[in-house]
C-alpha atoms as a PDB file:
ATOM      1  CA  MET A   1       2.803 -27.650  10.445  1.00  0.00           C
ATOM      2  CA  LYS A   2       4.051 -24.324   9.151  1.00  0.00           C
ATOM      3  CA  SER A   3       5.174 -21.539  11.437  1.00  0.00           C
ATOM      4  CA  LEU A   4       5.107 -17.774  10.962  1.00  0.00           C
ATOM      5  CA  ASP A   5       6.983 -17.168  14.214  1.00  0.00           C
ATOM      6  CA  LYS A   6       4.038 -15.913  16.277  1.00  0.00           C
ATOM      7  CA  MET A   7       1.343 -18.048  14.662  1.00  0.00           C
ATOM      8  CA  LEU A   8       1.062 -21.713  13.720  1.00  0.00           C
ATOM      9  CA  TYR A   9      -1.037 -23.019  10.831  1.00  0.00           C
ATOM     10  CA  SER A  10      -2.198 -26.458   9.760  1.00  0.00           C
ATOM     11  CA  VAL A  11      -5.059 -28.016   7.831  1.00  0.00           C
ATOM     12  CA  SER A  12      -6.804 -31.184   8.990  1.00  0.00           C
ATOM     13  CA  ASP A  13      -9.976 -32.686   7.500  1.00  0.00           C
ATOM     14  CA  ASN A  14     -10.872 -29.478   5.610  1.00  0.00           C
ATOM     15  CA  ILE A  15     -10.348 -27.432   8.785  1.00  0.00           C
ATOM     16  CA  ALA A  16      -7.707 -24.694   8.998  1.00  0.00           C
ATOM     17  CA  ILE A  17      -6.248 -24.443  12.500  1.00  0.00           C
ATOM     18  CA  LEU A  18      -4.688 -21.113  13.509  1.00  0.00           C
ATOM     19  CA  THR A  19      -2.764 -21.191  16.799  1.00  0.00           C
ATOM     20  CA  ILE A  20      -1.524 -18.073  18.566  1.00  0.00           C
ATOM     21  CA  ASN A  21       2.049 -19.042  19.420  1.00  0.00           C
ATOM     22  CA  ARG A  22       3.193 -16.703  22.189  1.00  0.00           C
ATOM     23  CA  PRO A  23       2.648 -18.753  25.374  1.00  0.00           C
ATOM     24  CA  GLU A  24       5.484 -16.902  27.122  1.00  0.00           C
ATOM     25  CA  ARG A  25       3.421 -13.696  26.721  1.00  0.00           C
ATOM     26  CA  ARG A  26       0.059 -15.346  27.482  1.00  0.00           C
ATOM     27  CA  ASN A  27      -0.541 -15.209  23.710  1.00  0.00           C
ATOM     28  CA  ALA A  28      -0.823 -11.413  23.791  1.00  0.00           C
ATOM     29  CA  LEU A  29      -1.696  -9.864  20.441  1.00  0.00           C
ATOM     30  CA  ASP A  30       1.016  -7.497  19.249  1.00  0.00           C
ATOM     31  CA  ALA A  31       1.091  -5.955  15.755  1.00  0.00           C
ATOM     32  CA  GLU A  32       3.181  -8.770  14.248  1.00  0.00           C
ATOM     33  CA  THR A  33       0.796 -11.410  15.596  1.00  0.00           C
ATOM     34  CA  LEU A  34      -2.199  -9.542  14.157  1.00  0.00           C
ATOM     35  CA  GLU A  35      -0.484  -9.228  10.780  1.00  0.00           C
ATOM     36  CA  GLN A  36       0.273 -12.952  10.787  1.00  0.00           C
ATOM     37  CA  ILE A  37      -3.348 -13.755  11.655  1.00  0.00           C
ATOM     38  CA  ASN A  38      -4.395 -11.793   8.565  1.00  0.00           C
ATOM     39  CA  ILE A  39      -1.884 -13.652   6.379  1.00  0.00           C
ATOM     40  CA  LEU A  40      -3.237 -16.980   7.615  1.00  0.00           C
ATOM     41  CA  MET A  41      -6.853 -15.899   7.220  1.00  0.00           C
ATOM     42  CA  ASP A  42      -6.056 -15.053   3.592  1.00  0.00           C
ATOM     43  CA  ARG A  43      -4.475 -18.483   3.164  1.00  0.00           C
ATOM     44  CA  ALA A  44      -7.438 -20.306   4.710  1.00  0.00           C
ATOM     45  CA  GLU A  45     -10.058 -18.319   2.802  1.00  0.00           C
ATOM     46  CA  ASN A  46      -8.265 -18.834  -0.532  1.00  0.00           C
ATOM     47  CA  ASP A  47      -7.823 -22.584  -0.018  1.00  0.00           C
ATOM     48  CA  GLU A  48     -10.803 -24.386  -1.587  1.00  0.00           C
ATOM     49  CA  LYS A  49     -10.110 -27.442   0.576  1.00  0.00           C
ATOM     50  CA  VAL A  50     -10.671 -25.424   3.763  1.00  0.00           C
ATOM     51  CA  ARG A  51     -14.306 -25.277   4.838  1.00  0.00           C
ATOM     52  CA  VAL A  52     -13.984 -24.151   8.477  1.00  0.00           C
ATOM     53  CA  ILE A  53     -11.445 -21.926  10.286  1.00  0.00           C
ATOM     54  CA  LEU A  54     -10.558 -22.623  13.922  1.00  0.00           C
ATOM     55  CA  ILE A  55      -8.410 -20.372  16.119  1.00  0.00           C
ATOM     56  CA  ASN A  56      -6.918 -21.305  19.491  1.00  0.00           C
ATOM     57  CA  GLY A  57      -3.948 -20.476  21.696  1.00  0.00           C
ATOM     58  CA  LYS A  58      -0.831 -22.481  22.448  1.00  0.00           C
ATOM     59  CA  GLY A  59      -0.359 -23.505  26.070  1.00  0.00           C
ATOM     60  CA  ASP A  60      -2.899 -22.919  28.817  1.00  0.00           C
ATOM     61  CA  THR A  61      -4.231 -19.533  27.599  1.00  0.00           C
ATOM     62  CA  PHE A  62      -6.276 -18.446  24.591  1.00  0.00           C
ATOM     63  CA  SER A  63      -5.033 -14.842  24.780  1.00  0.00           C
ATOM     64  CA  SER A  64      -4.734 -12.050  27.329  1.00  0.00           C
ATOM     65  CA  GLY A  65      -5.642  -9.496  24.656  1.00  0.00           C
ATOM     66  CA  PHE A  66      -3.718  -6.722  22.942  1.00  0.00           C
ATOM     67  CA  ASP A  67      -0.088  -6.579  24.058  1.00  0.00           C
ATOM     68  CA  LEU A  68       0.273  -3.790  26.631  1.00  0.00           C
ATOM     69  CA  LYS A  69       4.007  -4.379  26.981  1.00  0.00           C
ATOM     70  CA  ASP A  70       4.444  -3.815  23.246  1.00  0.00           C
ATOM     71  CA  GLN A  71       2.302  -0.683  23.525  1.00  0.00           C
ATOM     72  CA  MET A  72       4.329   0.529  26.503  1.00  0.00           C
ATOM     73  CA  GLU A  73       7.603   0.160  24.589  1.00  0.00           C
ATOM     74  CA  LYS A  74       6.356   1.847  21.388  1.00  0.00           C
ATOM     75  CA  ASP A  75       4.515   4.598  23.306  1.00  0.00           C
ATOM     76  CA  PRO A  76       2.249   5.770  20.442  1.00  0.00           C
ATOM     77  CA  ARG A  77       0.885   9.315  20.571  1.00  0.00           C
ATOM     78  CA  GLY A  78      -1.896  11.204  18.773  1.00  0.00           C
ATOM     79  CA  GLU A  79      -2.409  10.177  15.145  1.00  0.00           C
ATOM     80  CA  GLN A  80      -0.020   7.232  15.578  1.00  0.00           C
ATOM     81  CA  TRP A  81      -2.967   5.447  17.181  1.00  0.00           C
ATOM     82  CA  LYS A  82      -5.072   5.362  14.000  1.00  0.00           C
ATOM     83  CA  PRO A  83      -3.219   2.567  12.118  1.00  0.00           C
ATOM     84  CA  ILE A  84      -2.807   0.622  15.378  1.00  0.00           C
ATOM     85  CA  LEU A  85      -6.522   0.627  16.151  1.00  0.00           C
ATOM     86  CA  GLU A  86      -7.481  -0.023  12.536  1.00  0.00           C
ATOM     87  CA  LEU A  87      -5.282  -3.152  12.470  1.00  0.00           C
ATOM     88  CA  ASP A  88      -6.811  -4.286  15.784  1.00  0.00           C
ATOM     89  CA  TYR A  89     -10.344  -3.743  14.490  1.00  0.00           C
ATOM     90  CA  GLN A  90      -9.881  -5.199  11.012  1.00  0.00           C
ATOM     91  CA  THR A  91      -8.225  -8.347  12.388  1.00  0.00           C
ATOM     92  CA  ILE A  92     -11.075  -9.015  14.807  1.00  0.00           C
ATOM     93  CA  MET A  93     -13.716  -8.420  12.152  1.00  0.00           C
ATOM     94  CA  ARG A  94     -12.012 -10.861   9.768  1.00  0.00           C
ATOM     95  CA  PHE A  95     -13.690 -13.614  11.782  1.00  0.00           C
ATOM     96  CA  TRP A  96     -17.148 -12.036  11.491  1.00  0.00           C
ATOM     97  CA  ASN A  97     -16.741 -11.156   7.810  1.00  0.00           C
ATOM     98  CA  SER A  98     -15.099 -14.393   6.689  1.00  0.00           C
ATOM     99  CA  PRO A  99     -17.248 -16.299   4.172  1.00  0.00           C
ATOM    100  CA  LYS A 100     -16.183 -19.474   5.961  1.00  0.00           C
ATOM    101  CA  PRO A 101     -17.449 -20.449   9.450  1.00  0.00           C
ATOM    102  CA  THR A 102     -15.080 -19.492  12.262  1.00  0.00           C
ATOM    103  CA  ILE A 103     -14.632 -21.209  15.624  1.00  0.00           C
ATOM    104  CA  ALA A 104     -12.729 -19.975  18.683  1.00  0.00           C
ATOM    105  CA  ALA A 105     -11.503 -22.772  20.968  1.00  0.00           C
ATOM    106  CA  VAL A 106     -10.869 -21.037  24.299  1.00  0.00           C
ATOM    107  CA  LYS A 107      -9.056 -22.112  27.441  1.00  0.00           C
ATOM    108  CA  GLY A 108      -7.744 -19.974  30.264  1.00  0.00           C
ATOM    109  CA  ALA A 109      -7.798 -16.212  29.809  1.00  0.00           C
ATOM    110  CA  CYS A 110      -9.787 -14.655  26.973  1.00  0.00           C
ATOM    111  CA  LEU A 111      -9.666 -10.926  27.618  1.00  0.00           C
ATOM    112  CA  ALA A 112     -10.026  -7.518  25.955  1.00  0.00           C
ATOM    113  CA  GLY A 113      -9.130  -7.700  22.258  1.00  0.00           C
ATOM    114  CA  ALA A 114      -8.983 -11.495  22.356  1.00  0.00           C
ATOM    115  CA  PHE A 115     -12.421 -11.544  23.959  1.00  0.00           C
ATOM    116  CA  GLU A 116     -13.707  -9.375  21.126  1.00  0.00           C
ATOM    117  CA  LEU A 117     -12.119 -11.724  18.595  1.00  0.00           C
ATOM    118  CA  SER A 118     -13.872 -14.718  20.168  1.00  0.00           C
ATOM    119  CA  LEU A 119     -17.183 -12.827  20.035  1.00  0.00           C
ATOM    120  CA  ALA A 120     -16.673 -12.167  16.325  1.00  0.00           C
ATOM    121  CA  CYS A 121     -16.370 -15.902  15.650  1.00  0.00           C
ATOM    122  CA  ASP A 122     -19.454 -17.907  14.666  1.00  0.00           C
ATOM    123  CA  PHE A 123     -18.861 -20.422  17.473  1.00  0.00           C
ATOM    124  CA  THR A 124     -16.966 -20.093  20.735  1.00  0.00           C
ATOM    125  CA  ILE A 125     -16.299 -23.370  22.521  1.00  0.00           C
ATOM    126  CA  CYS A 126     -14.510 -23.067  25.835  1.00  0.00           C
ATOM    127  CA  ALA A 127     -12.986 -25.145  28.595  1.00  0.00           C
ATOM    128  CA  ARG A 128     -14.463 -24.943  32.090  1.00  0.00           C
ATOM    129  CA  ASP A 129     -11.394 -23.117  33.410  1.00  0.00           C
ATOM    130  CA  SER A 130     -11.829 -20.297  30.890  1.00  0.00           C
ATOM    131  CA  PHE A 131     -12.549 -16.749  31.987  1.00  0.00           C
ATOM    132  CA  PHE A 132     -13.578 -13.741  29.956  1.00  0.00           C
ATOM    133  CA  GLY A 133     -13.871  -9.988  30.197  1.00  0.00           C
ATOM    134  CA  GLU A 134     -13.227  -6.417  29.098  1.00  0.00           C
ATOM    135  CA  PRO A 135     -10.877  -4.823  31.693  1.00  0.00           C
ATOM    136  CA  GLU A 136      -9.929  -1.856  29.507  1.00  0.00           C
ATOM    137  CA  LEU A 137     -11.733   0.908  31.405  1.00  0.00           C
ATOM    138  CA  LYS A 138      -9.962  -0.042  34.630  1.00  0.00           C
ATOM    139  CA  PHE A 139      -6.638   1.128  33.202  1.00  0.00           C
ATOM    140  CA  GLY A 140      -7.915   4.025  31.112  1.00  0.00           C
ATOM    141  CA  ALA A 141      -8.275   2.414  27.688  1.00  0.00           C
ATOM    142  CA  GLY A 142     -11.263   2.197  25.365  1.00  0.00           C
ATOM    143  CA  ILE A 143     -12.937  -0.703  23.562  1.00  0.00           C
ATOM    144  CA  VAL A 144     -11.674  -1.342  20.037  1.00  0.00           C
ATOM    145  CA  THR A 145     -14.510  -3.522  18.742  1.00  0.00           C
ATOM    146  CA  MET A 146     -17.783  -2.834  20.563  1.00  0.00           C
ATOM    147  CA  VAL A 147     -19.401  -6.103  19.547  1.00  0.00           C
ATOM    148  CA  LEU A 148     -20.409  -7.289  23.045  1.00  0.00           C
ATOM    149  CA  PRO A 149     -23.764  -5.394  23.196  1.00  0.00           C
ATOM    150  CA  TRP A 150     -24.782  -7.060  19.925  1.00  0.00           C
ATOM    151  CA  VAL A 151     -24.131 -10.493  21.441  1.00  0.00           C
ATOM    152  CA  ILE A 152     -25.566 -10.218  24.958  1.00  0.00           C
ATOM    153  CA  GLY A 153     -27.684  -7.037  25.054  1.00  0.00           C
ATOM    154  CA  MET A 154     -27.280  -3.550  26.472  1.00  0.00           C
ATOM    155  CA  LYS A 155     -27.596  -4.019  30.260  1.00  0.00           C
ATOM    156  CA  ALA A 156     -25.329  -7.053  30.509  1.00  0.00           C
ATOM    157  CA  ALA A 157     -22.756  -5.435  28.211  1.00  0.00           C
ATOM    158  CA  LYS A 158     -22.708  -2.197  30.208  1.00  0.00           C
ATOM    159  CA  LYS A 159     -22.134  -4.131  33.421  1.00  0.00           C
ATOM    160  CA  ILE A 160     -19.130  -5.953  31.970  1.00  0.00           C
ATOM    161  CA  ILE A 161     -17.594  -2.997  30.126  1.00  0.00           C
ATOM    162  CA  LEU A 162     -18.202  -0.130  32.558  1.00  0.00           C
ATOM    163  CA  LEU A 163     -17.097  -2.221  35.553  1.00  0.00           C
ATOM    164  CA  GLY A 164     -14.116  -3.560  33.616  1.00  0.00           C
ATOM    165  CA  GLN A 165     -15.009  -7.131  34.543  1.00  0.00           C
ATOM    166  CA  ASP A 166     -12.276  -9.619  33.723  1.00  0.00           C
ATOM    167  CA  ASN A 167     -13.366 -12.684  35.686  1.00  0.00           C
ATOM    168  CA  ILE A 168     -16.485 -13.936  33.876  1.00  0.00           C
ATOM    169  CA  THR A 169     -16.600 -17.690  34.374  1.00  0.00           C
ATOM    170  CA  SER A 170     -17.345 -20.196  31.639  1.00  0.00           C
ATOM    171  CA  SER A 171     -20.748 -20.986  33.185  1.00  0.00           C
ATOM    172  CA  THR A 172     -21.736 -17.312  33.252  1.00  0.00           C
ATOM    173  CA  ALA A 173     -20.401 -16.891  29.722  1.00  0.00           C
ATOM    174  CA  LEU A 174     -22.669 -19.723  28.592  1.00  0.00           C
ATOM    175  CA  GLU A 175     -25.697 -18.187  30.325  1.00  0.00           C
ATOM    176  CA  LEU A 176     -25.046 -14.822  28.672  1.00  0.00           C
ATOM    177  CA  GLY A 177     -24.493 -16.299  25.221  1.00  0.00           C
ATOM    178  CA  ILE A 178     -20.821 -15.311  25.096  1.00  0.00           C
ATOM    179  CA  VAL A 179     -19.916 -18.934  24.332  1.00  0.00           C
ATOM    180  CA  SER A 180     -21.699 -21.634  22.369  1.00  0.00           C
ATOM    181  CA  GLU A 181     -20.844 -24.467  24.740  1.00  0.00           C
ATOM    182  CA  VAL A 182     -18.539 -25.501  27.579  1.00  0.00           C
ATOM    183  CA  THR A 183     -16.471 -28.667  27.756  1.00  0.00           C
ATOM    184  CA  THR A 184     -13.524 -30.009  29.727  1.00  0.00           C
ATOM    185  CA  ASN A 185     -10.008 -28.718  29.163  1.00  0.00           C
ATOM    186  CA  ALA A 186      -8.937 -32.165  27.969  1.00  0.00           C
ATOM    187  CA  ARG A 187     -11.733 -32.341  25.384  1.00  0.00           C
ATOM    188  CA  LEU A 188     -11.609 -28.733  24.157  1.00  0.00           C
ATOM    189  CA  LEU A 189      -9.766 -29.229  20.884  1.00  0.00           C
ATOM    190  CA  LYS A 190     -11.460 -32.577  20.203  1.00  0.00           C
ATOM    191  CA  ARG A 191     -14.936 -31.105  20.720  1.00  0.00           C
ATOM    192  CA  SER A 192     -14.092 -27.998  18.669  1.00  0.00           C
ATOM    193  CA  MET A 193     -12.901 -30.222  15.833  1.00  0.00           C
ATOM    194  CA  GLN A 194     -16.094 -32.298  16.085  1.00  0.00           C
ATOM    195  CA  VAL A 195     -18.190 -29.159  15.574  1.00  0.00           C
ATOM    196  CA  ALA A 196     -15.927 -28.043  12.730  1.00  0.00           C
ATOM    197  CA  LYS A 197     -16.150 -31.457  11.033  1.00  0.00           C
ATOM    198  CA  HIS A 198     -19.948 -31.418  11.341  1.00  0.00           C
ATOM    199  CA  ILE A 199     -20.081 -28.079   9.517  1.00  0.00           C
ATOM    200  CA  SER A 200     -17.486 -29.181   6.937  1.00  0.00           C
ATOM    201  CA  VAL A 201     -19.734 -32.022   5.733  1.00  0.00           C
ATOM    202  CA  ILE A 202     -22.458 -29.574   4.644  1.00  0.00           C
ATOM    203  CA  ASP A 203     -22.337 -28.018   1.167  1.00  0.00           C
ATOM    204  CA  PRO A 204     -19.894 -25.086   1.626  1.00  0.00           C
ATOM    205  CA  ASN A 205     -21.870 -22.784  -0.654  1.00  0.00           C
ATOM    206  CA  LEU A 206     -24.985 -23.411   1.440  1.00  0.00           C
ATOM    207  CA  VAL A 207     -23.037 -22.693   4.644  1.00  0.00           C
ATOM    208  CA  LYS A 208     -21.537 -19.517   3.155  1.00  0.00           C
ATOM    209  CA  LYS A 209     -24.908 -18.145   2.052  1.00  0.00           C
ATOM    210  CA  THR A 210     -26.612 -19.061   5.331  1.00  0.00           C
ATOM    211  CA  LYS A 211     -23.885 -17.408   7.403  1.00  0.00           C
ATOM    212  CA  LYS A 212     -24.311 -14.318   5.235  1.00  0.00           C
ATOM    213  CA  ALA A 213     -28.082 -14.391   5.806  1.00  0.00           C
ATOM    214  CA  ILE A 214     -27.633 -14.564   9.588  1.00  0.00           C
ATOM    215  CA  ASN A 215     -24.970 -11.849   9.671  1.00  0.00           C
ATOM    216  CA  GLN A 216     -26.943  -9.458   7.496  1.00  0.00           C
ATOM    217  CA  SER A 217     -29.771  -9.467  10.057  1.00  0.00           C
ATOM    218  CA  PHE A 218     -27.357  -7.609  12.355  1.00  0.00           C
ATOM    219  CA  GLU A 219     -25.710  -5.625   9.576  1.00  0.00           C
ATOM    220  CA  ILE A 220     -29.026  -4.231   8.317  1.00  0.00           C
ATOM    221  CA  ALA A 221     -29.709  -3.171  11.911  1.00  0.00           C
ATOM    222  CA  GLY A 222     -26.494  -1.119  11.709  1.00  0.00           C
ATOM    223  CA  LEU A 223     -23.784  -3.334  13.231  1.00  0.00           C
ATOM    224  CA  HIS A 224     -20.959  -2.208  10.941  1.00  0.00           C
ATOM    225  CA  GLN A 225     -21.827   1.481  11.213  1.00  0.00           C
ATOM    226  CA  ALA A 226     -22.097   1.251  15.004  1.00  0.00           C
ATOM    227  CA  LEU A 227     -18.769  -0.564  15.330  1.00  0.00           C
ATOM    228  CA  GLU A 228     -17.023   1.955  13.107  1.00  0.00           C
ATOM    229  CA  LYS A 229     -18.441   4.847  15.166  1.00  0.00           C
ATOM    230  CA  SER A 230     -17.256   3.104  18.331  1.00  0.00           C
ATOM    231  CA  LEU A 231     -13.806   2.708  16.781  1.00  0.00           C
ATOM    232  CA  GLU A 232     -13.744   6.475  16.141  1.00  0.00           C
ATOM    233  CA  ILE A 233     -14.550   7.079  19.813  1.00  0.00           C
ATOM    234  CA  ASP A 234     -11.766   4.712  20.866  1.00  0.00           C
ATOM    235  CA  TYR A 235      -9.362   6.636  18.615  1.00  0.00           C
ATOM    236  CA  GLN A 236     -10.390   9.853  20.373  1.00  0.00           C
ATOM    237  CA  ILE A 237      -9.760   8.193  23.745  1.00  0.00           C
ATOM    238  CA  GLU A 238      -6.373   6.704  22.885  1.00  0.00           C
ATOM    239  CA  SER A 239      -4.993   9.590  20.822  1.00  0.00           C
ATOM    240  CA  LYS A 240      -5.629  12.035  23.662  1.00  0.00           C
ATOM    241  CA  GLY A 241      -4.750   9.614  26.454  1.00  0.00           C
ATOM    242  CA  SER A 242      -6.737   9.422  29.676  1.00  0.00           C
ATOM    243  CA  PRO A 243      -5.071  10.333  33.007  1.00  0.00           C
ATOM    244  CA  ASP A 244      -5.709   6.755  34.224  1.00  0.00           C
ATOM    245  CA  LYS A 245      -3.901   5.257  31.220  1.00  0.00           C
ATOM    246  CA  LYS A 246      -0.970   7.670  31.567  1.00  0.00           C
ATOM    247  CA  LYS A 247      -0.553   6.771  35.242  1.00  0.00           C
ATOM    248  CA  PHE A 248      -0.827   3.044  34.512  1.00  0.00           C
ATOM    249  CA  MET A 249       1.800   3.201  31.778  1.00  0.00           C
ATOM    250  CA  GLU A 250       4.090   5.403  33.886  1.00  0.00           C
ATOM    251  CA  ILE A 251       4.133   2.759  36.639  1.00  0.00           C
ATOM    252  CA  ALA A 252       4.564  -0.023  34.077  1.00  0.00           C
ATOM    253  CA  ARG A 253       7.632   1.665  32.581  1.00  0.00           C
ATOM    254  CA  LYS A 254       9.248   2.427  35.937  1.00  0.00           C
ATOM    255  CA  GLU A 255       8.290  -0.643  37.967  1.00  0.00           C
ATOM    256  CA  GLY A 256       7.022  -3.226  35.503  1.00  0.00           C
ATOM    257  CA  MET A 257       3.650  -4.456  34.302  1.00  0.00           C
ATOM    258  CA  ARG A 258       2.912  -6.509  37.433  1.00  0.00           C
ATOM    259  CA  LYS A 259       3.190  -3.410  39.614  1.00  0.00           C
ATOM    260  CA  ALA A 260       0.995  -1.464  37.212  1.00  0.00           C
ATOM    261  CA  ILE A 261      -1.710  -4.132  37.302  1.00  0.00           C
ATOM    262  CA  LYS A 262      -1.474  -4.253  41.108  1.00  0.00           C
ATOM    263  CA  PHE A 263      -1.935  -0.455  41.175  1.00  0.00           C
ATOM    264  CA  ARG A 264      -4.906  -0.741  38.806  1.00  0.00           C
ATOM    265  CA  ASP A 265      -6.636  -3.359  40.916  1.00  0.00           C
ATOM    266  CA  SER A 266      -5.956  -1.550  44.218  1.00  0.00           C
ATOM    267  CA  ARG A 267      -8.141   1.364  43.045  1.00  0.00           C
ATOM    268  CA  PHE A 268     -11.314  -0.697  43.023  1.00  0.00           C
ATOM    269  CA  PRO A 269     -13.314  -2.305  45.833  1.00  0.00           C
ATOM    270  CA  ILE A 270     -13.334  -6.082  46.020  1.00  0.00           C
ATOM    271  CA  ASP A 271     -16.534  -7.511  44.541  1.00  0.00           C
ATOM    272  CA  GLU A 272     -18.662  -9.425  47.000  1.00  0.00           C
END
């Protein structure tokens, strides 16, 4: 198994396995991790032996999303946000655009940018203890890749995004179509590999063309244009900076991220 510091990579039975390797940071996605994901996606896509790409997280968490601590330390302003958001967006969409089938094997937290990445995959298989969501609006941030409405529909997506829900259970995720299937934590990787092996037996050219045919149904309806417009809106949000985000980051810098999250959550009523 080869390591690129923040990502692990291996190939087994024609399946490339990408593992986010930051368990001490709940596998948060900082710029270096995103760049390494792109390097490994290039490697998997250029390897003729690889027929399926699977991404998971090391430890008990898939990923908590984009790394707020990294963002807090770098403190980007104005136009500095453009390359940051473009890297976020392009990395997520690699999994949608890849000519090879992509599978997200999810356990524990799968939030924000990581949630969007899992949605961009062709299959999402999760453990029962998984939970999902888009908490960005609760701390004054926007949505980088607005793919959720395309997956579950307008009303359900608005409820999750505008309420900043970050506690969607695996059973609810299955009902909404966020995940393909739910299994036990112990069987997650085994079941994900079973699905990957099933696909890998089929003629890869047939799989490639059929994935393209399915995807283009959404693309003709305007998926790419809509996502790019949404990315522009997120750039407007982040480059200006909302008062909620500024307050959140101010507390995080002075008192730490835990205090900032506690402040964020204290602003909202407890759901019944």
